[in-house]
Amino acid sequence: MNIHDRESLYAEVARVLRPGAAFGIYDVMRGNANPLDYPVPWATTAETSRVLTPEETRASLGGAGFEVTAYADGARALALALVVREYVERRALAARGVWPRPPGVGQRRPSTTTSRR
Protein backbone atom coordinates (compact mmCIF):
# COMPACT_ATOMS: atom_id res chain seq x y z
CA MET A 1 0.00 0.00 0.00
CA ASN A 2 1.44 3.31 -0.98
CA ILE A 3 -0.41 5.26 1.70
CA HIS A 4 1.22 8.27 3.29
CA ASP A 5 -0.66 8.28 6.61
CA ARG A 6 -1.04 4.63 7.60
CA GLU A 7 -1.64 5.51 11.23
CA SER A 8 -4.90 7.23 10.27
CA LEU A 9 -5.86 4.37 7.97
CA TYR A 10 -5.30 1.75 10.67
CA ALA A 11 -7.09 3.89 13.26
CA GLU A 12 -10.14 4.13 10.98
CA VAL A 13 -10.09 0.37 10.33
CA ALA A 14 -9.93 -0.22 14.10
CA ARG A 15 -12.84 2.17 14.60
CA VAL A 16 -15.18 0.35 12.19
CA LEU A 17 -14.27 -3.25 13.07
CA ARG A 18 -16.31 -5.12 15.62
CA PRO A 19 -14.50 -5.72 18.91
CA GLY A 20 -12.35 -8.83 18.65
CA ALA A 21 -12.53 -8.93 14.84
CA ALA A 22 -9.45 -9.85 12.85
CA PHE A 23 -7.78 -7.53 10.36
CA GLY A 24 -5.27 -8.95 7.92
CA ILE A 25 -2.92 -7.15 5.58
CA TYR A 26 -0.72 -8.33 2.76
CA ASP A 27 1.79 -5.67 1.88
CA VAL A 28 5.12 -5.03 0.20
CA MET A 29 7.64 -4.04 2.87
CA ARG A 30 11.24 -2.88 3.00
CA GLY A 31 13.22 -5.88 4.11
CA ASN A 32 16.86 -4.85 4.08
CA ALA A 33 19.20 -1.94 3.57
CA ASN A 34 19.23 -2.30 -0.22
CA PRO A 35 17.39 0.53 -1.93
CA LEU A 36 14.52 -0.27 -4.28
CA ASP A 37 15.17 0.00 -8.00
CA TYR A 38 12.67 2.63 -9.18
CA PRO A 39 10.26 2.82 -10.85
CA VAL A 40 8.16 0.17 -9.08
CA PRO A 41 4.43 -0.54 -9.60
CA TRP A 42 3.35 1.81 -6.79
CA ALA A 43 5.86 4.67 -7.14
CA THR A 44 8.18 6.22 -9.68
CA THR A 45 10.70 7.61 -7.17
CA ALA A 46 11.76 7.08 -3.56
CA GLU A 47 10.08 10.37 -2.67
CA THR A 48 6.67 9.04 -3.73
CA SER A 49 7.08 5.60 -2.17
CA ARG A 50 5.63 4.92 1.28
CA VAL A 51 6.94 1.39 1.80
CA LEU A 52 7.52 0.61 5.48
CA THR A 53 9.63 -1.99 7.24
CA PRO A 54 7.87 -4.80 9.14
CA GLU A 55 8.81 -3.06 12.39
CA GLU A 56 7.31 0.26 11.24
CA THR A 57 4.16 -1.55 10.13
CA ARG A 58 3.79 -3.32 13.49
CA ALA A 59 4.31 0.00 15.29
CA SER A 60 1.61 1.68 13.15
CA LEU A 61 -0.81 -1.17 13.81
CA GLY A 62 -0.04 -1.11 17.54
CA GLY A 63 -0.60 2.64 17.63
CA ALA A 64 -4.10 2.04 16.27
CA GLY A 65 -4.83 -0.50 18.99
CA PHE A 66 -4.21 -3.68 17.01
CA GLU A 67 -2.31 -6.63 18.45
CA VAL A 68 -0.18 -8.38 15.84
CA THR A 69 -0.85 -12.07 16.44
CA ALA A 70 0.87 -13.49 13.37
CA TYR A 71 3.51 -12.33 10.94
CA ALA A 72 4.83 -14.24 7.98
CA ASP A 73 7.61 -13.18 5.66
CA GLY A 74 6.38 -14.25 2.27
CA ALA A 75 3.13 -15.20 0.61
CA ARG A 76 3.59 -18.96 0.94
CA ALA A 77 4.29 -18.80 4.66
CA LEU A 78 1.32 -16.50 5.23
CA ALA A 79 -1.04 -18.70 3.25
CA LEU A 80 0.09 -21.75 5.21
CA ALA A 81 -0.35 -19.93 8.53
CA LEU A 82 -3.88 -18.89 7.60
CA VAL A 83 -4.84 -22.39 6.48
CA VAL A 84 -3.47 -23.91 9.69
CA ARG A 85 -5.28 -21.31 11.80
CA GLU A 86 -8.57 -22.01 9.99
CA TYR A 87 -8.08 -25.76 10.47
CA VAL A 88 -7.38 -25.37 14.20
CA GLU A 89 -10.39 -23.08 14.68
CA ARG A 90 -12.70 -25.46 12.82
CA ARG A 91 -11.44 -28.45 14.83
CA ALA A 92 -12.13 -26.54 18.05
CA LEU A 93 -15.67 -25.77 16.90
CA ALA A 94 -16.24 -29.37 15.85
CA ALA A 95 -15.08 -30.57 19.27
CA ARG A 96 -17.92 -28.47 20.75
CA GLY A 97 -20.43 -29.94 18.30
CA VAL A 98 -20.59 -26.87 16.07
CA TRP A 99 -20.27 -27.64 12.37
CA PRO A 100 -19.65 -24.44 10.40
CA ARG A 101 -20.11 -24.29 6.65
CA PRO A 102 -16.95 -24.73 4.61
CA PRO A 103 -15.37 -21.44 3.49
CA GLY A 104 -17.14 -19.94 0.50
CA VAL A 105 -20.26 -22.05 0.86
CA GLY A 106 -23.48 -20.14 1.36
CA GLN A 107 -27.17 -20.84 1.27
CA ARG A 108 -28.34 -22.14 -2.07
CA ARG A 109 -31.41 -20.66 -3.66
CA PRO A 110 -33.87 -22.87 -5.45
CA SER A 111 -33.24 -22.87 -9.15
CA THR A 112 -35.70 -20.77 -11.15
CA THR A 113 -34.42 -21.84 -14.54
CA THR A 114 -35.75 -24.70 -16.62
CA SER A 115 -34.24 -26.46 -19.55
CA ARG A 116 -36.07 -27.49 -22.69
CA ARG A 117 -35.30 -30.40 -24.89
C-alpha atoms as a PDB file:
ATOM      1  CA  MET A   1       0.000   0.000   0.000  1.00  0.00           C
ATOM      2  CA  ASN A   2       1.439   3.310  -0.984  1.00  0.00           C
ATOM      3  CA  ILE A   3      -0.412   5.257   1.698  1.00  0.00           C
ATOM      4  CA  HIS A   4       1.223   8.275   3.290  1.00  0.00           C
ATOM      5  CA  ASP A   5      -0.664   8.278   6.609  1.00  0.00           C
ATOM      6  CA  ARG A   6      -1.040   4.626   7.599  1.00  0.00           C
ATOM      7  CA  GLU A   7      -1.642   5.507  11.229  1.00  0.00           C
ATOM      8  CA  SER A   8      -4.899   7.235  10.266  1.00  0.00           C
ATOM      9  CA  LEU A   9      -5.858   4.369   7.966  1.00  0.00           C
ATOM     10  CA  TYR A  10      -5.301   1.752  10.673  1.00  0.00           C
ATOM     11  CA  ALA A  11      -7.090   3.891  13.262  1.00  0.00           C
ATOM     12  CA  GLU A  12     -10.137   4.132  10.977  1.00  0.00           C
ATOM     13  CA  VAL A  13     -10.092   0.374  10.335  1.00  0.00           C
ATOM     14  CA  ALA A  14      -9.933  -0.220  14.097  1.00  0.00           C
ATOM     15  CA  ARG A  15     -12.842   2.171  14.597  1.00  0.00           C
ATOM     16  CA  VAL A  16     -15.179   0.348  12.195  1.00  0.00           C
ATOM     17  CA  LEU A  17     -14.271  -3.250  13.070  1.00  0.00           C
ATOM     18  CA  ARG A  18     -16.308  -5.122  15.621  1.00  0.00           C
ATOM     19  CA  PRO A  19     -14.497  -5.721  18.912  1.00  0.00           C
ATOM     20  CA  GLY A  20     -12.352  -8.834  18.650  1.00  0.00           C
ATOM     21  CA  ALA A  21     -12.533  -8.926  14.839  1.00  0.00           C
ATOM     22  CA  ALA A  22      -9.451  -9.852  12.846  1.00  0.00           C
ATOM     23  CA  PHE A  23      -7.777  -7.526  10.360  1.00  0.00           C
ATOM     24  CA  GLY A  24      -5.268  -8.946   7.917  1.00  0.00           C
ATOM     25  CA  ILE A  25      -2.916  -7.152   5.584  1.00  0.00           C
ATOM     26  CA  TYR A  26      -0.722  -8.328   2.765  1.00  0.00           C
ATOM     27  CA  ASP A  27       1.788  -5.674   1.883  1.00  0.00           C
ATOM     28  CA  VAL A  28       5.116  -5.034   0.205  1.00  0.00           C
ATOM     29  CA  MET A  29       7.643  -4.044   2.871  1.00  0.00           C
ATOM     30  CA  ARG A  30      11.241  -2.882   2.998  1.00  0.00           C
ATOM     31  CA  GLY A  31      13.217  -5.885   4.109  1.00  0.00           C
ATOM     32  CA  ASN A  32      16.860  -4.848   4.081  1.00  0.00           C
ATOM     33  CA  ALA A  33      19.197  -1.935   3.567  1.00  0.00           C
ATOM     34  CA  ASN A  34      19.233  -2.297  -0.220  1.00  0.00           C
ATOM     35  CA  PRO A  35      17.385   0.533  -1.933  1.00  0.00           C
ATOM     36  CA  LEU A  36      14.521  -0.270  -4.277  1.00  0.00           C
ATOM     37  CA  ASP A  37      15.169  -0.002  -7.996  1.00  0.00           C
ATOM     38  CA  TYR A  38      12.670   2.630  -9.183  1.00  0.00           C
ATOM     39  CA  PRO A  39      10.256   2.820 -10.848  1.00  0.00           C
ATOM     40  CA  VAL A  40       8.160   0.174  -9.082  1.00  0.00           C
ATOM     41  CA  PRO A  41       4.427  -0.542  -9.600  1.00  0.00           C
ATOM     42  CA  TRP A  42       3.351   1.809  -6.787  1.00  0.00           C
ATOM     43  CA  ALA A  43       5.856   4.671  -7.145  1.00  0.00           C
ATOM     44  CA  THR A  44       8.176   6.216  -9.679  1.00  0.00           C
ATOM     45  CA  THR A  45      10.696   7.607  -7.172  1.00  0.00           C
ATOM     46  CA  ALA A  46      11.765   7.076  -3.563  1.00  0.00           C
ATOM     47  CA  GLU A  47      10.076  10.373  -2.670  1.00  0.00           C
ATOM     48  CA  THR A  48       6.667   9.042  -3.729  1.00  0.00           C
ATOM     49  CA  SER A  49       7.080   5.597  -2.171  1.00  0.00           C
ATOM     50  CA  ARG A  50       5.632   4.916   1.283  1.00  0.00           C
ATOM     51  CA  VAL A  51       6.944   1.390   1.799  1.00  0.00           C
ATOM     52  CA  LEU A  52       7.516   0.611   5.483  1.00  0.00           C
ATOM     53  CA  THR A  53       9.625  -1.991   7.244  1.00  0.00           C
ATOM     54  CA  PRO A  54       7.869  -4.797   9.135  1.00  0.00           C
ATOM     55  CA  GLU A  55       8.810  -3.059  12.392  1.00  0.00           C
ATOM     56  CA  GLU A  56       7.305   0.258  11.241  1.00  0.00           C
ATOM     57  CA  THR A  57       4.157  -1.552  10.126  1.00  0.00           C
ATOM     58  CA  ARG A  58       3.787  -3.316  13.488  1.00  0.00           C
ATOM     59  CA  ALA A  59       4.312  -0.001  15.287  1.00  0.00           C
ATOM     60  CA  SER A  60       1.608   1.677  13.151  1.00  0.00           C
ATOM     61  CA  LEU A  61      -0.810  -1.175  13.814  1.00  0.00           C
ATOM     62  CA  GLY A  62      -0.036  -1.109  17.542  1.00  0.00           C
ATOM     63  CA  GLY A  63      -0.601   2.637  17.634  1.00  0.00           C
ATOM     64  CA  ALA A  64      -4.099   2.045  16.267  1.00  0.00           C
ATOM     65  CA  GLY A  65      -4.830  -0.500  18.990  1.00  0.00           C
ATOM     66  CA  PHE A  66      -4.211  -3.678  17.007  1.00  0.00           C
ATOM     67  CA  GLU A  67      -2.315  -6.630  18.449  1.00  0.00           C
ATOM     68  CA  VAL A  68      -0.176  -8.378  15.842  1.00  0.00           C
ATOM     69  CA  THR A  69      -0.854 -12.074  16.445  1.00  0.00           C
ATOM     70  CA  ALA A  70       0.874 -13.493  13.365  1.00  0.00           C
ATOM     71  CA  TYR A  71       3.512 -12.327  10.944  1.00  0.00           C
ATOM     72  CA  ALA A  72       4.835 -14.237   7.980  1.00  0.00           C
ATOM     73  CA  ASP A  73       7.614 -13.178   5.664  1.00  0.00           C
ATOM     74  CA  GLY A  74       6.378 -14.252   2.275  1.00  0.00           C
ATOM     75  CA  ALA A  75       3.132 -15.198   0.609  1.00  0.00           C
ATOM     76  CA  ARG A  76       3.586 -18.959   0.936  1.00  0.00           C
ATOM     77  CA  ALA A  77       4.291 -18.801   4.663  1.00  0.00           C
ATOM     78  CA  LEU A  78       1.321 -16.502   5.226  1.00  0.00           C
ATOM     79  CA  ALA A  79      -1.041 -18.701   3.250  1.00  0.00           C
ATOM     80  CA  LEU A  80       0.091 -21.749   5.207  1.00  0.00           C
ATOM     81  CA  ALA A  81      -0.349 -19.934   8.533  1.00  0.00           C
ATOM     82  CA  LEU A  82      -3.883 -18.885   7.602  1.00  0.00           C
ATOM     83  CA  VAL A  83      -4.839 -22.389   6.483  1.00  0.00           C
ATOM     84  CA  VAL A  84      -3.470 -23.906   9.688  1.00  0.00           C
ATOM     85  CA  ARG A  85      -5.280 -21.309  11.804  1.00  0.00           C
ATOM     86  CA  GLU A  86      -8.567 -22.013   9.988  1.00  0.00           C
ATOM     87  CA  TYR A  87      -8.077 -25.757  10.473  1.00  0.00           C
ATOM     88  CA  VAL A  88      -7.380 -25.370  14.204  1.00  0.00           C
ATOM     89  CA  GLU A  89     -10.394 -23.081  14.683  1.00  0.00           C
ATOM     90  CA  ARG A  90     -12.699 -25.462  12.823  1.00  0.00           C
ATOM     91  CA  ARG A  91     -11.442 -28.445  14.829  1.00  0.00           C
ATOM     92  CA  ALA A  92     -12.126 -26.540  18.054  1.00  0.00           C
ATOM     93  CA  LEU A  93     -15.672 -25.768  16.898  1.00  0.00           C
ATOM     94  CA  ALA A  94     -16.243 -29.372  15.848  1.00  0.00           C
ATOM     95  CA  ALA A  95     -15.081 -30.565  19.274  1.00  0.00           C
ATOM     96  CA  ARG A  96     -17.922 -28.468  20.746  1.00  0.00           C
ATOM     97  CA  GLY A  97     -20.432 -29.935  18.302  1.00  0.00           C
ATOM     98  CA  VAL A  98     -20.590 -26.865  16.067  1.00  0.00           C
ATOM     99  CA  TRP A  99     -20.266 -27.640  12.368  1.00  0.00           C
ATOM    100  CA  PRO A 100     -19.655 -24.437  10.403  1.00  0.00           C
ATOM    101  CA  ARG A 101     -20.109 -24.288   6.652  1.00  0.00           C
ATOM    102  CA  PRO A 102     -16.952 -24.728   4.612  1.00  0.00           C
ATOM    103  CA  PRO A 103     -15.371 -21.440   3.488  1.00  0.00           C
ATOM    104  CA  GLY A 104     -17.138 -19.936   0.501  1.00  0.00           C
ATOM    105  CA  VAL A 105     -20.264 -22.051   0.858  1.00  0.00           C
ATOM    106  CA  GLY A 106     -23.478 -20.144   1.359  1.00  0.00           C
ATOM    107  CA  GLN A 107     -27.172 -20.837   1.267  1.00  0.00           C
ATOM    108  CA  ARG A 108     -28.340 -22.140  -2.069  1.00  0.00           C
ATOM    109  CA  ARG A 109     -31.408 -20.657  -3.662  1.00  0.00           C
ATOM    110  CA  PRO A 110     -33.872 -22.875  -5.449  1.00  0.00           C
ATOM    111  CA  SER A 111     -33.238 -22.868  -9.152  1.00  0.00           C
ATOM    112  CA  THR A 112     -35.696 -20.771 -11.148  1.00  0.00           C
ATOM    113  CA  THR A 113     -34.425 -21.842 -14.537  1.00  0.00           C
ATOM    114  CA  THR A 114     -35.750 -24.696 -16.623  1.00  0.00           C
ATOM    115  CA  SER A 115     -34.240 -26.459 -19.548  1.00  0.00           C
ATOM    116  CA  ARG A 116     -36.070 -27.488 -22.689  1.00  0.00           C
ATOM    117  CA  ARG A 117     -35.302 -30.400 -24.894  1.00  0.00           C
END
